[in-house]
Protein backbone atom coordinates (compact mmCIF):
# COMPACT_ATOMS: atom_id res chain seq x y z
CA MET A 1 100.04 94.57 219.50
CA ALA A 2 103.15 96.17 220.92
CA CYS A 3 105.70 97.63 218.54
CA THR A 4 108.72 99.89 218.52
CA GLY A 5 108.15 103.63 218.48
CA THR A 6 109.17 106.75 220.40
CA TYR A 7 106.68 109.22 221.84
CA ASP A 8 107.51 112.77 220.77
CA GLY A 9 104.53 114.60 222.25
CA PRO A 10 104.15 116.90 225.25
CA PRO A 11 104.80 115.62 228.79
CA ALA A 12 101.94 114.77 231.13
CA SER A 13 100.72 117.72 233.17
CA GLY A 14 101.23 115.97 236.52
CA ASP A 15 97.53 116.27 237.37
CA GLY A 16 96.71 112.62 238.09
CA ALA A 17 98.05 109.74 236.02
CA ALA A 18 98.31 109.45 232.22
CA ALA A 19 98.49 106.98 229.36
CA PHE A 20 100.88 108.20 226.67
CA GLY A 21 102.84 106.88 223.72
CA LYS A 22 102.38 106.03 220.09
CA VAL A 23 99.88 104.10 217.96
CA VAL A 24 101.32 102.51 214.82
CA SER A 25 100.23 100.44 211.84
CA LEU A 26 101.41 96.88 211.25
CA LEU A 27 104.19 98.36 209.13
CA GLY A 28 105.37 100.45 212.08
CA ASP A 29 104.22 103.79 210.70
CA GLY A 30 102.54 106.30 213.00
CA LEU A 31 98.77 105.92 212.92
CA GLY A 32 96.85 109.18 213.15
CA ASP A 33 93.16 109.93 213.73
CA VAL A 34 92.77 107.14 216.30
CA SER A 35 90.08 107.97 218.87
CA ILE A 36 91.45 107.16 222.34
CA CYS A 37 89.16 107.13 225.37
CA GLY A 38 88.96 105.85 228.93
CA LEU A 39 86.17 103.29 229.33
CA ASP A 40 83.73 104.50 232.02
CA LEU A 41 86.21 107.21 233.06
CA GLU A 42 85.62 110.95 233.38
CA VAL A 43 88.35 111.90 230.93
CA ALA A 44 87.99 113.65 227.58
CA CYS A 45 88.78 111.47 224.57
CA VAL A 46 91.80 112.44 222.47
CA THR A 47 92.82 111.79 218.86
CA SER A 48 96.29 110.53 217.96
CA ALA A 49 98.52 112.90 215.99
CA SER A 50 99.60 112.08 212.43
CA ASN A 51 102.75 110.39 213.78
CA GLY A 52 100.67 108.30 216.21
CA ASP A 53 101.48 110.24 219.39
CA PHE A 54 98.79 110.48 222.06
CA LEU A 55 98.42 111.64 225.66
CA LEU A 56 95.29 110.72 227.64
CA GLU A 57 94.92 112.45 231.02
CA PRO A 58 94.05 112.85 233.79
CA LEU A 59 93.46 109.23 234.79
CA PRO A 60 92.85 108.04 238.35
CA VAL A 61 96.02 107.33 240.32
CA ALA A 62 96.91 103.73 241.29
CA ALA A 63 93.92 102.25 239.48
CA ASP A 64 93.13 99.58 236.92
CA VAL A 65 91.70 101.25 233.82
CA VAL A 66 90.63 100.27 230.32
CA VAL A 67 91.81 102.56 227.51
CA THR A 68 90.05 102.13 224.17
CA MET A 69 91.44 102.80 220.68
CA ASP A 70 89.14 103.08 217.67
CA LYS A 71 89.79 103.89 214.00
CA PRO A 72 87.63 103.00 210.97
CA GLU A 73 88.63 99.76 209.21
CA HIS A 74 90.66 98.63 212.24
CA LEU A 75 89.93 96.26 215.12
CA ARG A 76 88.48 98.22 218.01
CA THR A 77 90.84 97.45 220.87
CA ALA A 78 90.51 97.96 224.63
CA TYR A 79 93.83 97.92 226.50
CA LEU A 80 93.94 96.86 230.15
CA HIS A 81 96.30 99.15 232.06
CA HIS A 82 97.28 100.12 235.62
CA THR A 83 98.06 103.78 236.09
CA ASP A 84 101.06 103.14 238.36
CA VAL A 85 102.82 101.83 235.23
CA ALA A 86 104.45 104.92 233.73
CA GLN A 87 106.03 103.12 230.79
CA GLU A 88 105.43 104.62 227.36
CA TRP A 89 102.72 102.83 225.38
CA GLN A 90 103.66 101.39 222.00
CA LYS A 91 100.53 99.89 220.43
CA THR A 92 99.60 98.56 217.02
CA LEU A 93 96.05 98.58 215.69
CA MET A 94 95.10 95.62 213.52
CA PRO A 95 93.25 96.09 210.21
CA SER A 96 89.76 94.58 210.20
CA ALA A 97 90.63 92.47 207.14
CA LEU A 98 93.38 90.73 209.10
CA VAL A 99 90.92 89.86 211.86
CA ASP A 100 88.79 88.04 209.29
CA THR A 101 91.88 86.10 208.21
CA MET A 102 92.66 85.21 211.82
CA THR A 103 89.18 83.95 212.62
CA SER A 104 89.03 81.85 209.46
CA ARG A 105 92.22 80.11 210.58
CA VAL A 106 90.35 78.69 213.58
CA ASP A 107 87.19 77.94 211.61
CA THR A 108 85.02 80.73 212.97
CA GLU A 109 83.87 84.27 212.09
CA PHE A 110 84.29 87.53 213.95
CA ASP A 111 80.99 88.31 215.68
CA PRO A 112 80.57 92.06 216.42
CA THR A 113 77.92 91.31 219.05
CA LEU A 114 80.45 89.37 221.14
CA GLY A 115 83.74 90.20 222.88
CA HIS A 116 87.27 89.06 222.09
CA VAL A 117 90.51 88.70 224.10
CA MET A 118 94.13 88.84 222.94
CA PHE A 119 97.43 88.68 224.83
CA ILE A 120 101.20 88.75 224.50
CA LEU A 121 103.59 87.21 227.06
CA TRP A 122 106.90 89.03 227.54
CA ALA A 123 110.02 87.58 229.17
CA GLY A 124 110.79 90.75 231.11
CA PRO A 125 109.44 94.18 232.07
CA ASP A 126 110.56 96.06 228.94
CA TYR A 127 108.66 94.96 225.84
CA GLY A 128 111.11 96.73 223.60
CA ALA A 129 114.01 94.50 224.62
CA PHE A 130 112.82 91.07 225.71
CA ASP A 131 111.75 87.86 224.02
CA ARG A 132 108.28 86.32 224.02
CA VAL A 133 107.37 83.25 226.10
CA PRO A 134 106.49 79.86 224.55
CA ASP A 135 104.85 76.72 225.98
CA VAL A 136 102.30 78.53 228.16
CA THR A 137 98.66 77.41 228.17
CA PHE A 138 95.82 79.95 228.18
CA THR A 139 92.35 79.10 229.52
CA ILE A 140 89.19 81.18 229.82
CA ASP A 141 85.91 80.22 231.50
CA ALA A 142 83.61 81.87 228.92
CA PRO A 143 81.11 79.51 227.26
CA GLY A 144 81.54 79.17 223.51
CA ALA A 145 84.95 80.87 223.44
CA VAL A 146 87.16 79.90 220.48
CA THR A 147 90.70 79.94 221.91
CA PHE A 148 93.80 80.15 219.74
CA TYR A 149 97.59 80.51 219.81
CA GLN A 150 99.54 82.46 217.22
CA ALA A 151 102.42 80.97 215.25
CA SER A 152 105.71 82.80 214.88
CA GLY A 153 104.30 84.54 211.80
CA GLY A 154 101.46 86.04 213.85
CA LEU A 155 98.47 84.08 212.53
CA PRO A 156 96.54 81.56 214.64
CA ASP A 157 97.70 77.96 214.20
CA PRO A 158 94.97 75.43 215.03
CA GLU A 159 97.65 72.79 215.61
CA LEU A 160 99.11 74.66 218.60
CA ASP A 161 98.00 73.74 222.12
CA ALA A 162 100.23 76.31 223.89
CA THR A 163 102.04 79.55 223.01
CA SER A 164 104.68 79.44 220.31
CA SER A 165 107.79 81.63 220.13
CA SER A 166 105.42 84.55 219.43
CA GLY A 167 104.04 84.21 222.99
CA SER A 168 100.62 85.30 221.83
CA GLY A 169 97.05 84.13 221.45
CA GLY A 170 93.55 84.78 222.71
CA ALA A 171 89.91 83.88 222.33
CA PHE A 172 87.23 84.95 219.87
CA ASN A 173 83.48 85.29 220.41
CA LEU A 174 82.95 85.62 224.17
CA PRO A 175 79.61 86.63 225.67
CA PRO A 176 79.96 90.24 226.91
CA GLY A 177 80.86 90.33 230.59
CA THR A 178 83.87 89.69 232.82
CA TRP A 179 85.63 86.34 232.51
CA SER A 180 88.35 84.52 234.41
CA VAL A 181 91.61 83.89 232.54
CA THR A 182 94.56 81.78 233.69
CA PHE A 183 98.04 81.09 232.28
CA SER A 184 100.04 78.00 233.25
CA GLY A 185 103.01 75.89 232.17
CA GLY A 186 106.22 76.77 230.43
CA GLY A 187 108.07 76.76 233.76
CA VAL A 188 107.12 80.41 234.31
CA THR A 189 104.69 82.59 236.25
CA CYS A 190 102.95 85.24 234.17
CA GLU A 191 101.68 88.45 235.74
CA PRO A 192 99.78 91.32 234.11
CA TRP A 193 101.21 94.82 233.79
CA PHE A 194 97.82 95.88 235.13
CA SER A 195 96.34 94.72 238.49
CA PRO A 196 99.31 95.10 240.88
CA ASP A 197 97.36 93.20 243.55
CA PHE A 198 97.37 90.12 241.31
CA THR A 199 98.22 86.87 243.12
CA PRO A 200 100.94 85.01 241.17
CA GLY A 201 99.47 82.00 239.44
CA GLY A 202 95.91 83.15 240.10
CA PRO A 203 93.13 84.01 237.67
CA ILE A 204 92.82 87.38 235.93
CA ALA A 205 89.45 89.10 235.52
CA VAL A 206 89.16 90.26 231.90
CA PRO A 207 86.26 92.28 230.44
CA ALA A 208 84.78 91.13 227.14
CA ILE A 209 83.15 94.07 225.32
CA ALA A 210 80.85 93.50 222.35
CA GLY A 211 82.71 94.23 219.11
CA TRP A 212 86.04 94.93 220.83
CA ALA A 213 89.24 93.00 221.54
CA SER A 214 90.38 93.29 225.15
CA TYR A 215 94.17 93.22 225.03
CA MET A 216 96.64 92.21 227.77
CA ASP A 217 100.40 92.49 228.15
CA LEU A 218 101.85 90.05 230.70
CA VAL A 219 105.38 89.63 232.09
CA CYS A 220 106.54 86.04 232.67
CA THR A 221 109.41 85.12 235.01
């Protein structure tokens, strides 16, 4: 879900924290008219500019938040974020048609009454400059979850039992709620960019929201 792109919009006002950056299409073009909100936060929603730029503020300082992005005919995506992380956001929204292709690869269908989780593992703190992390196993304690790993081309590969060179995967069709996720193997420890109080090697609490994909960036060292 991360992609190259440079934010050209106004700076944050300094009143609290902010999420800022650019939303792009799979082709890397700026994606406008994306509704961007803070889940359960007292912050006014914003709409991305025609070049994809957005600035959402004020957000609570030093807090875990969930920022949602919604555009017709695209996967509704909820990004897990910690507001101490001031790095520019560079996010890609996935067309709904591609989601159907992904679910069919693992012999299931996208259920809009259930939640979904996706992740990318980065080998360093700057996702514009570092490689992905292979050979890591992802587990989630949600009943009925259909887990998957993505091949280097980006589509789920049912033959994979750990991350490939794309370092990505997730789970479809989770009952709405909060579920425990763990990452292990590959000779690395993976920590989320959100949740600074995370214990290395421990579980991560991830919300599953009906009809949405909860998305995580993690750094592995």
